[in-house]
Each structure stands twice: as structure tokens, then as C-alpha cells.
Amino acid sequence: EDYVSDVHTRLVLYKRISEAADIRELDELKVELIDRFGLLPQQTERLFDAARLRQLGQQCGLKKLEAGPTGIRLIFPLQNGPDPAKVVKLIQSDPRRYRMDGPDKITLDCDLPDYEQRVTTAQTLLRQLQAD
């Protein structure tokens, strides 16, 4: 509200962020917002972080992402999930931190006490699972 005071404009921007086709389009929209309204407040930065994670998740078939202070859980549909070879490679890279929780969940156990670490770690993890 403080950043974009007009309700209609704000709703249009929310819609554009949620419907962005790819990360490039999100980045262009972010630049547009900075040009029109000034530097982004923390809440708007986090909205873009969430949209970026959603984009990355869609690229590897993610159904849900849960991130907290003790790690990250990725939940995939039983069909059309990430490449099984990439999942195996990821888990083998550090079996003490990565594990499968059933046929549709990958868990990363690690200390992520703050928001920035959670976002960065989630982005890295999703990029590792992206289809080529």
C-alpha cells in the first residue's frame, strides 16, 4: 500500500508478477517497478523471491516447497517429477544432508536460520534439479 497506493495498479502488478512467463520477465517487471515507484521495499522483494522460486519449481515439476530453519522439503507429483538420475546424483553428493521421504519428497537437512539463506538454498537446490 505504501509502495503502490492505487489499488487497481497494485492488483494489476500482482497479476503480472504471478503470470510472468519466466524469470527474465520477472526481472524486467522488477526494473519497471523500480523505474516507476522507486526502490523496492522488503515485502515486494520477497514477493519477487516467491515468484522466482515458483518459476524454478515449475521448471522441474515441483508441487510444493517448504523451507524452515532446519531445512527444505521439496514435494513433487508422483508422475512428471524431476529426472530420477538428477535426484540420485543430488542425494549421493551429500547423503547426510539429502534424503528421500517417500517416493515424492526430497528433504535437505541443514541450518537455515534466516530468510535469505532459505531463498538462496532453495534456488540452488531447484537449479540442480532443473531439466536440461
C-alpha atoms as a PDB file:
ATOM      1  CA  GLU A   1       0.000   0.000   0.000  1.00  0.00           C
ATOM      2  CA  ASP A   2       2.802   2.415   0.842  1.00  0.00           C
ATOM      3  CA  TYR A   3       4.763   1.471  -2.258  1.00  0.00           C
ATOM      4  CA  VAL A   4       1.890   1.457  -4.803  1.00  0.00           C
ATOM      5  CA  SER A   5      -1.017   3.392  -3.340  1.00  0.00           C
ATOM      6  CA  ASP A   6      -3.551   2.877  -6.146  1.00  0.00           C
ATOM      7  CA  VAL A   7      -5.482  -0.361  -5.550  1.00  0.00           C
ATOM      8  CA  HIS A   8      -6.131  -1.054  -9.236  1.00  0.00           C
ATOM      9  CA  THR A   9      -2.481  -0.556 -10.186  1.00  0.00           C
ATOM     10  CA  ARG A  10      -1.382  -2.776  -7.299  1.00  0.00           C
ATOM     11  CA  LEU A  11      -3.753  -5.582  -8.350  1.00  0.00           C
ATOM     12  CA  VAL A  12      -2.572  -5.350 -11.962  1.00  0.00           C
ATOM     13  CA  LEU A  13       1.040  -5.612 -10.767  1.00  0.00           C
ATOM     14  CA  TYR A  14       0.263  -8.618  -8.542  1.00  0.00           C
ATOM     15  CA  LYS A  15      -1.335 -10.314 -11.529  1.00  0.00           C
ATOM     16  CA  ARG A  16       1.617  -9.530 -13.805  1.00  0.00           C
ATOM     17  CA  ILE A  17       4.039 -10.928 -11.231  1.00  0.00           C
ATOM     18  CA  SER A  18       2.030 -14.116 -10.754  1.00  0.00           C
ATOM     19  CA  GLU A  19       1.574 -14.639 -14.504  1.00  0.00           C
ATOM     20  CA  ALA A  20       5.151 -13.892 -15.557  1.00  0.00           C
ATOM     21  CA  ALA A  21       6.192 -16.448 -18.158  1.00  0.00           C
ATOM     22  CA  ASP A  22       9.791 -16.789 -16.996  1.00  0.00           C
ATOM     23  CA  ILE A  23      12.498 -15.339 -14.762  1.00  0.00           C
ATOM     24  CA  ARG A  24      13.561 -12.873 -17.465  1.00  0.00           C
ATOM     25  CA  GLU A  25      10.055 -11.404 -17.484  1.00  0.00           C
ATOM     26  CA  LEU A  26      10.118 -11.157 -13.674  1.00  0.00           C
ATOM     27  CA  ASP A  27      13.431  -9.306 -13.827  1.00  0.00           C
ATOM     28  CA  GLU A  28      12.058  -6.885 -16.429  1.00  0.00           C
ATOM     29  CA  LEU A  29       8.985  -6.257 -14.284  1.00  0.00           C
ATOM     30  CA  LYS A  30      11.191  -5.605 -11.266  1.00  0.00           C
ATOM     31  CA  VAL A  31      13.156  -2.994 -13.232  1.00  0.00           C
ATOM     32  CA  GLU A  32       9.887  -1.420 -14.373  1.00  0.00           C
ATOM     33  CA  LEU A  33       8.649  -1.157 -10.782  1.00  0.00           C
ATOM     34  CA  ILE A  34      11.887   0.464  -9.644  1.00  0.00           C
ATOM     35  CA  ASP A  35      11.655   2.954 -12.528  1.00  0.00           C
ATOM     36  CA  ARG A  36       8.029   3.810 -11.750  1.00  0.00           C
ATOM     37  CA  PHE A  37       7.916   3.686  -7.947  1.00  0.00           C
ATOM     38  CA  GLY A  38      11.480   3.707  -6.627  1.00  0.00           C
ATOM     39  CA  LEU A  39      13.491   1.091  -4.774  1.00  0.00           C
ATOM     40  CA  LEU A  40      11.530  -1.996  -3.777  1.00  0.00           C
ATOM     41  CA  PRO A  41      10.547  -2.380  -0.131  1.00  0.00           C
ATOM     42  CA  GLN A  42      11.395  -5.668   1.586  1.00  0.00           C
ATOM     43  CA  GLN A  43       7.853  -7.058   1.151  1.00  0.00           C
ATOM     44  CA  THR A  44       7.993  -6.501  -2.611  1.00  0.00           C
ATOM     45  CA  GLU A  45      11.459  -8.076  -2.849  1.00  0.00           C
ATOM     46  CA  ARG A  46      10.053 -11.126  -1.068  1.00  0.00           C
ATOM     47  CA  LEU A  47       7.127 -11.253  -3.471  1.00  0.00           C
ATOM     48  CA  PHE A  48       9.620 -11.417  -6.337  1.00  0.00           C
ATOM     49  CA  ASP A  49      11.632 -14.089  -4.466  1.00  0.00           C
ATOM     50  CA  ALA A  50       8.486 -16.210  -4.153  1.00  0.00           C
ATOM     51  CA  ALA A  51       7.662 -15.720  -7.840  1.00  0.00           C
ATOM     52  CA  ARG A  52      11.223 -16.718  -8.838  1.00  0.00           C
ATOM     53  CA  LEU A  53      11.025 -19.855  -6.703  1.00  0.00           C
ATOM     54  CA  ARG A  54       7.665 -20.681  -8.259  1.00  0.00           C
ATOM     55  CA  GLN A  55       9.203 -20.328 -11.742  1.00  0.00           C
ATOM     56  CA  LEU A  56      12.159 -22.564 -10.855  1.00  0.00           C
ATOM     57  CA  GLY A  57       9.833 -25.081  -9.233  1.00  0.00           C
ATOM     58  CA  GLN A  58       7.620 -25.259 -12.299  1.00  0.00           C
ATOM     59  CA  GLN A  59      10.653 -25.950 -14.475  1.00  0.00           C
ATOM     60  CA  CYS A  60      11.450 -29.111 -12.509  1.00  0.00           C
ATOM     61  CA  GLY A  61       7.863 -30.202 -11.840  1.00  0.00           C
ATOM     62  CA  LEU A  62       7.666 -29.106  -8.211  1.00  0.00           C
ATOM     63  CA  LYS A  63       4.313 -29.396  -6.468  1.00  0.00           C
ATOM     64  CA  LYS A  64       5.243 -27.693  -3.173  1.00  0.00           C
ATOM     65  CA  LEU A  65       8.282 -26.232  -1.416  1.00  0.00           C
ATOM     66  CA  GLU A  66       8.568 -25.984   2.362  1.00  0.00           C
ATOM     67  CA  ALA A  67      11.503 -24.091   3.848  1.00  0.00           C
ATOM     68  CA  GLY A  68      12.242 -23.504   7.506  1.00  0.00           C
ATOM     69  CA  PRO A  69      15.105 -23.019   9.944  1.00  0.00           C
ATOM     70  CA  THR A  70      16.100 -26.718   9.843  1.00  0.00           C
ATOM     71  CA  GLY A  71      15.970 -27.330   6.104  1.00  0.00           C
ATOM     72  CA  ILE A  72      13.953 -27.607   2.921  1.00  0.00           C
ATOM     73  CA  ARG A  73      11.430 -30.158   1.686  1.00  0.00           C
ATOM     74  CA  LEU A  74      10.509 -30.448  -1.978  1.00  0.00           C
ATOM     75  CA  ILE A  75       7.286 -32.259  -2.832  1.00  0.00           C
ATOM     76  CA  PHE A  76       6.715 -33.499  -6.369  1.00  0.00           C
ATOM     77  CA  PRO A  77       3.757 -35.148  -8.077  1.00  0.00           C
ATOM     78  CA  LEU A  78       4.172 -38.916  -8.333  1.00  0.00           C
ATOM     79  CA  GLN A  79       4.413 -38.574 -12.111  1.00  0.00           C
ATOM     80  CA  ASN A  80       6.346 -35.907 -14.007  1.00  0.00           C
ATOM     81  CA  GLY A  81       8.763 -35.106 -11.194  1.00  0.00           C
ATOM     82  CA  PRO A  82      12.440 -34.306 -11.644  1.00  0.00           C
ATOM     83  CA  ASP A  83      14.811 -36.527 -13.579  1.00  0.00           C
ATOM     84  CA  PRO A  84      15.500 -39.541 -11.288  1.00  0.00           C
ATOM     85  CA  ALA A  85      19.179 -39.504 -12.280  1.00  0.00           C
ATOM     86  CA  LYS A  86      19.482 -35.921 -11.016  1.00  0.00           C
ATOM     87  CA  VAL A  87      17.770 -36.865  -7.740  1.00  0.00           C
ATOM     88  CA  VAL A  88      20.156 -39.786  -7.220  1.00  0.00           C
ATOM     89  CA  LYS A  89      23.167 -37.597  -8.042  1.00  0.00           C
ATOM     90  CA  LEU A  90      21.960 -34.919  -5.605  1.00  0.00           C
ATOM     91  CA  ILE A  91      21.458 -37.392  -2.755  1.00  0.00           C
ATOM     92  CA  GLN A  92      24.792 -39.105  -3.438  1.00  0.00           C
ATOM     93  CA  SER A  93      26.552 -35.717  -3.354  1.00  0.00           C
ATOM     94  CA  ASP A  94      25.843 -35.458   0.403  1.00  0.00           C
ATOM     95  CA  PRO A  95      23.786 -38.355   1.802  1.00  0.00           C
ATOM     96  CA  ARG A  96      23.947 -36.974   5.356  1.00  0.00           C
ATOM     97  CA  ARG A  97      22.035 -33.851   4.292  1.00  0.00           C
ATOM     98  CA  TYR A  98      19.803 -35.076   1.443  1.00  0.00           C
ATOM     99  CA  ARG A  99      17.247 -37.864   1.678  1.00  0.00           C
ATOM    100  CA  MET A 100      14.092 -39.151   0.066  1.00  0.00           C
ATOM    101  CA  ASP A 101      10.972 -39.040   2.249  1.00  0.00           C
ATOM    102  CA  GLY A 102       8.772 -41.432   0.339  1.00  0.00           C
ATOM    103  CA  PRO A 103       8.504 -41.569  -3.420  1.00  0.00           C
ATOM    104  CA  ASP A 104       7.634 -37.885  -3.879  1.00  0.00           C
ATOM    105  CA  LYS A 105       9.680 -35.876  -1.353  1.00  0.00           C
ATOM    106  CA  ILE A 106      13.282 -34.736  -1.169  1.00  0.00           C
ATOM    107  CA  THR A 107      14.477 -33.315   2.126  1.00  0.00           C
ATOM    108  CA  LEU A 108      17.583 -31.234   2.735  1.00  0.00           C
ATOM    109  CA  ASP A 109      18.571 -31.096   6.413  1.00  0.00           C
ATOM    110  CA  CYS A 110      20.640 -28.022   7.144  1.00  0.00           C
ATOM    111  CA  ASP A 111      20.723 -24.944   9.329  1.00  0.00           C
ATOM    112  CA  LEU A 112      18.861 -22.075   7.611  1.00  0.00           C
ATOM    113  CA  PRO A 113      18.186 -19.542  10.363  1.00  0.00           C
ATOM    114  CA  ASP A 114      17.254 -16.581   8.173  1.00  0.00           C
ATOM    115  CA  TYR A 115      15.076 -15.830   5.169  1.00  0.00           C
ATOM    116  CA  GLU A 116      17.899 -15.003   2.736  1.00  0.00           C
ATOM    117  CA  GLN A 117      19.660 -18.322   3.378  1.00  0.00           C
ATOM    118  CA  ARG A 118      16.408 -20.230   2.807  1.00  0.00           C
ATOM    119  CA  VAL A 119      15.725 -18.495  -0.515  1.00  0.00           C
ATOM    120  CA  THR A 120      19.294 -18.870  -1.784  1.00  0.00           C
ATOM    121  CA  THR A 121      19.484 -22.528  -0.762  1.00  0.00           C
ATOM    122  CA  ALA A 122      16.074 -23.311  -2.294  1.00  0.00           C
ATOM    123  CA  GLN A 123      17.057 -21.623  -5.571  1.00  0.00           C
ATOM    124  CA  THR A 124      20.321 -23.588  -5.708  1.00  0.00           C
ATOM    125  CA  LEU A 125      18.549 -26.853  -4.966  1.00  0.00           C
ATOM    126  CA  LEU A 126      15.897 -26.275  -7.633  1.00  0.00           C
ATOM    127  CA  ARG A 127      18.531 -25.347 -10.224  1.00  0.00           C
ATOM    128  CA  GLN A 128      20.309 -28.622  -9.521  1.00  0.00           C
ATOM    129  CA  LEU A 129      17.096 -30.500 -10.314  1.00  0.00           C
ATOM    130  CA  GLN A 130      16.120 -28.490 -13.409  1.00  0.00           C
ATOM    131  CA  ALA A 131      15.682 -30.307 -16.658  1.00  0.00           C
ATOM    132  CA  ASP A 132      18.380 -29.597 -19.239  1.00  0.00           C
END
